[in-house]
């Protein structure tokens, strides 16, 4: 598995500090930015019964560079919404990337991990605990306005390419490939 944790300090982070900071990150339902009835163009739902997670289907563009002095100046950010079906808990874990990759979700200030967990929560209910980790957990979240709950964030990479993620919910675990800055067949993205 590939994962990194970054902080806003002016000092570079060494490998031992990174490993010590990685554990598990729960993304709070109250940090969701929207709800939708359907994932929409450019997204593909993954999982049985109409899917439990929707992720970008095409090559994602690379944007801003990591902050100077962070020790990760060669990393670039690719922003995309994370869509999770309401009332589902989802875990994401990066299992393969060209060099290094990590998620940035959950209202963090440049502090993330190689895996995420979302939920369970309802949109007006209890808060989920957030701790730096190797796993990103999301949901379940309830909503009376839509079927899919949306979080803002994305993924940091230090080399464009195909990032393999394992998405899990209930007893289902599926691989998903994210084309970050280049297609999964190696073709570079247009700027």
Protein backbone atom coordinates (compact mmCIF):
# COMPACT_ATOMS: atom_id res chain seq x y z
CA UNK A 1 0.00 0.00 0.00
CA UNK A 2 1.19 3.54 -0.73
CA UNK A 3 0.36 6.42 1.60
CA UNK A 4 1.76 9.64 2.98
CA UNK A 5 0.81 12.15 5.64
CA UNK A 6 1.65 15.82 5.26
CA UNK A 7 1.43 18.68 7.72
CA UNK A 8 1.45 22.44 7.41
CA UNK A 9 4.69 22.87 9.34
CA UNK A 10 7.66 24.48 7.65
CA UNK A 11 9.84 21.43 8.39
CA UNK A 12 10.20 18.48 6.04
CA UNK A 13 8.64 15.24 7.25
CA UNK A 14 10.85 12.14 7.35
CA UNK A 15 9.71 8.58 6.50
CA UNK A 16 9.53 7.44 10.16
CA UNK A 17 7.31 10.41 11.06
CA UNK A 18 5.04 9.57 8.11
CA UNK A 19 4.64 5.95 9.22
CA UNK A 20 3.92 7.06 12.81
CA UNK A 21 1.18 9.46 11.63
CA UNK A 22 -0.62 6.98 9.34
CA UNK A 23 -3.43 5.05 10.96
CA UNK A 24 -7.11 5.62 10.07
CA UNK A 25 -9.10 8.67 8.92
CA UNK A 26 -12.85 8.92 9.30
CA UNK A 27 -14.52 11.60 7.21
CA UNK A 28 -17.41 13.31 8.99
CA UNK A 29 -20.82 13.39 7.38
CA UNK A 30 -21.23 17.04 8.38
CA UNK A 31 -18.31 17.86 6.06
CA UNK A 32 -20.32 16.75 3.01
CA UNK A 33 -20.83 19.57 0.52
CA UNK A 34 -23.88 18.33 -1.40
CA UNK A 35 -26.32 15.51 -2.11
CA UNK A 36 -27.34 14.30 -5.56
CA UNK A 37 -29.98 11.98 -7.00
CA UNK A 38 -27.51 10.50 -9.53
CA UNK A 39 -23.70 10.65 -9.88
CA UNK A 40 -23.89 12.51 -13.20
CA UNK A 41 -21.69 12.70 -16.29
CA UNK A 42 -18.06 11.80 -15.83
CA UNK A 43 -18.66 9.51 -12.83
CA UNK A 44 -19.11 5.75 -12.65
CA UNK A 45 -20.91 3.99 -9.80
CA UNK A 46 -19.05 0.94 -8.45
CA UNK A 47 -20.53 -1.99 -6.55
CA UNK A 48 -23.63 -4.12 -6.73
CA UNK A 49 -27.24 -2.90 -6.72
CA UNK A 50 -26.45 0.40 -8.44
CA UNK A 51 -23.18 0.98 -6.61
CA UNK A 52 -22.07 2.20 -3.21
CA UNK A 53 -19.39 4.64 -4.43
CA UNK A 54 -19.05 6.80 -7.55
CA UNK A 55 -15.66 8.01 -8.79
CA UNK A 56 -14.40 9.86 -11.88
CA UNK A 57 -14.46 7.75 -15.04
CA UNK A 58 -12.04 9.80 -17.14
CA UNK A 59 -8.52 11.15 -16.78
CA UNK A 60 -8.35 13.68 -13.94
CA UNK A 61 -6.27 16.82 -14.37
CA UNK A 62 -3.38 17.67 -12.06
CA UNK A 63 -3.60 21.03 -10.32
CA UNK A 64 -1.65 22.80 -7.59
CA UNK A 65 1.72 21.73 -6.24
CA UNK A 66 2.27 20.82 -2.58
CA UNK A 67 3.39 23.74 -0.36
CA UNK A 68 7.02 24.76 -0.42
CA UNK A 69 8.92 23.54 2.63
CA UNK A 70 6.56 20.58 3.15
CA UNK A 71 9.08 18.01 1.97
CA UNK A 72 6.62 16.97 -0.76
CA UNK A 73 7.12 19.77 -3.29
CA UNK A 74 7.04 17.26 -6.16
CA UNK A 75 3.42 16.24 -5.37
CA UNK A 76 0.45 17.63 -7.30
CA UNK A 77 -3.23 17.60 -6.39
CA UNK A 78 -6.08 16.21 -8.47
CA UNK A 79 -9.42 17.42 -7.16
CA UNK A 80 -12.60 15.34 -7.44
CA UNK A 81 -15.80 14.84 -5.52
CA UNK A 82 -16.19 11.62 -3.57
CA UNK A 83 -19.76 10.31 -3.95
CA UNK A 84 -21.10 7.71 -1.51
CA UNK A 85 -24.61 6.24 -1.57
CA UNK A 86 -26.54 7.41 1.48
CA UNK A 87 -26.74 5.03 4.42
CA UNK A 88 -23.62 3.15 3.23
CA UNK A 89 -20.26 3.04 4.99
CA UNK A 90 -17.35 2.97 2.57
CA UNK A 91 -13.65 2.37 3.06
CA UNK A 92 -11.06 3.36 0.44
CA UNK A 93 -7.46 2.21 0.39
CA UNK A 94 -4.72 2.99 -2.12
CA UNK A 95 -3.02 -0.30 -2.97
CA UNK A 96 -0.94 0.69 -5.99
CA UNK A 97 0.32 3.97 -7.48
CA UNK A 98 3.12 4.92 -9.92
CA UNK A 99 5.30 6.39 -7.14
CA UNK A 100 3.36 7.82 -4.21
CA UNK A 101 -0.24 8.83 -3.68
CA UNK A 102 -2.52 9.80 -0.80
CA UNK A 103 -6.06 11.06 -0.26
CA UNK A 104 -6.99 14.50 1.02
CA UNK A 105 -10.58 14.53 2.32
CA UNK A 106 -12.32 15.40 5.54
CA UNK A 107 -11.52 19.06 6.05
CA UNK A 108 -7.84 18.41 6.66
CA UNK A 109 -5.24 21.10 6.13
CA UNK A 110 -2.76 19.08 4.06
CA UNK A 111 -2.95 16.08 6.43
CA UNK A 112 -4.05 12.86 4.78
CA UNK A 113 -3.47 9.17 4.34
CA UNK A 114 -3.46 6.36 1.84
CA UNK A 115 -6.87 5.16 2.93
CA UNK A 116 -10.19 6.68 3.97
CA UNK A 117 -13.33 5.61 5.83
CA UNK A 118 -16.63 7.41 5.39
CA UNK A 119 -19.67 7.01 7.69
CA UNK A 120 -21.81 5.82 9.26
CA UNK A 121 -23.61 9.06 10.11
CA UNK A 122 -26.80 10.81 9.22
CA UNK A 123 -26.59 14.38 7.99
CA UNK A 124 -28.09 15.80 11.21
CA UNK A 125 -26.79 13.13 13.54
CA UNK A 126 -23.66 12.22 15.49
CA UNK A 127 -20.17 13.34 14.60
CA UNK A 128 -17.67 10.76 13.36
CA UNK A 129 -14.21 10.90 14.92
CA UNK A 130 -11.39 11.98 12.60
CA UNK A 131 -7.87 10.69 13.19
CA UNK A 132 -4.92 10.60 10.78
CA UNK A 133 -4.69 7.09 9.30
CA UNK A 134 -3.98 4.77 6.40
CA UNK A 135 -7.71 4.22 5.83
CA UNK A 136 -10.39 6.66 4.74
CA UNK A 137 -13.86 5.79 6.00
CA UNK A 138 -16.98 7.56 4.77
CA UNK A 139 -20.64 7.15 5.75
CA UNK A 140 -23.15 5.97 6.12
CA UNK A 141 -24.89 9.29 5.94
CA UNK A 142 -28.60 9.91 5.62
CA UNK A 143 -30.24 12.50 3.44
CA UNK A 144 -33.80 13.41 2.63
CA UNK A 145 -32.68 15.34 -0.45
CA UNK A 146 -30.71 12.87 -2.53
CA UNK A 147 -29.35 9.37 -2.96
CA UNK A 148 -25.61 10.25 -3.14
CA UNK A 149 -23.66 12.26 -0.53
CA UNK A 150 -20.71 14.33 -1.87
CA UNK A 151 -17.41 15.35 -0.25
CA UNK A 152 -14.82 17.74 -1.69
CA UNK A 153 -11.21 16.64 -1.82
CA UNK A 154 -8.96 14.60 -4.05
CA UNK A 155 -5.69 12.78 -4.34
CA UNK A 156 -2.03 13.89 -4.25
CA UNK A 157 0.44 12.14 -6.56
CA UNK A 158 4.11 12.66 -7.30
CA UNK A 159 3.84 11.06 -10.73
CA UNK A 160 0.89 10.98 -13.15
CA UNK A 161 -0.59 7.57 -13.75
CA UNK A 162 -3.05 4.93 -12.72
CA UNK A 163 -3.83 4.64 -8.99
CA UNK A 164 -5.47 1.41 -7.84
CA UNK A 165 -7.91 1.80 -4.96
CA UNK A 166 -9.81 -0.91 -3.09
CA UNK A 167 -13.35 0.27 -2.24
CA UNK A 168 -15.17 -1.70 0.45
CA UNK A 169 -18.70 -1.58 1.83
CA UNK A 170 -20.44 -4.27 3.87
CA UNK A 171 -19.17 -7.62 2.50
CA UNK A 172 -18.25 -6.19 -0.90
CA UNK A 173 -14.69 -5.25 -1.91
CA UNK A 174 -13.85 -4.05 -5.42
CA UNK A 175 -10.79 -2.63 -7.18
CA UNK A 176 -11.17 0.76 -8.88
CA UNK A 177 -8.55 2.48 -11.03
CA UNK A 178 -8.21 6.28 -10.97
CA UNK A 179 -6.50 7.89 -13.97
CA UNK A 180 -4.61 10.76 -12.29
CA UNK A 181 -2.89 13.05 -14.78
CA UNK A 182 -2.57 10.20 -17.30
CA UNK A 183 -4.86 7.48 -18.55
CA UNK A 184 -4.48 4.00 -17.14
CA UNK A 185 -2.97 2.95 -20.47
CA UNK A 186 -0.16 5.52 -19.96
CA UNK A 187 -1.39 8.34 -22.23
CA UNK A 188 -0.68 11.77 -20.72
CA UNK A 189 -3.63 14.02 -19.92
CA UNK A 190 -4.12 17.22 -21.90
CA UNK A 191 -3.55 20.41 -19.92
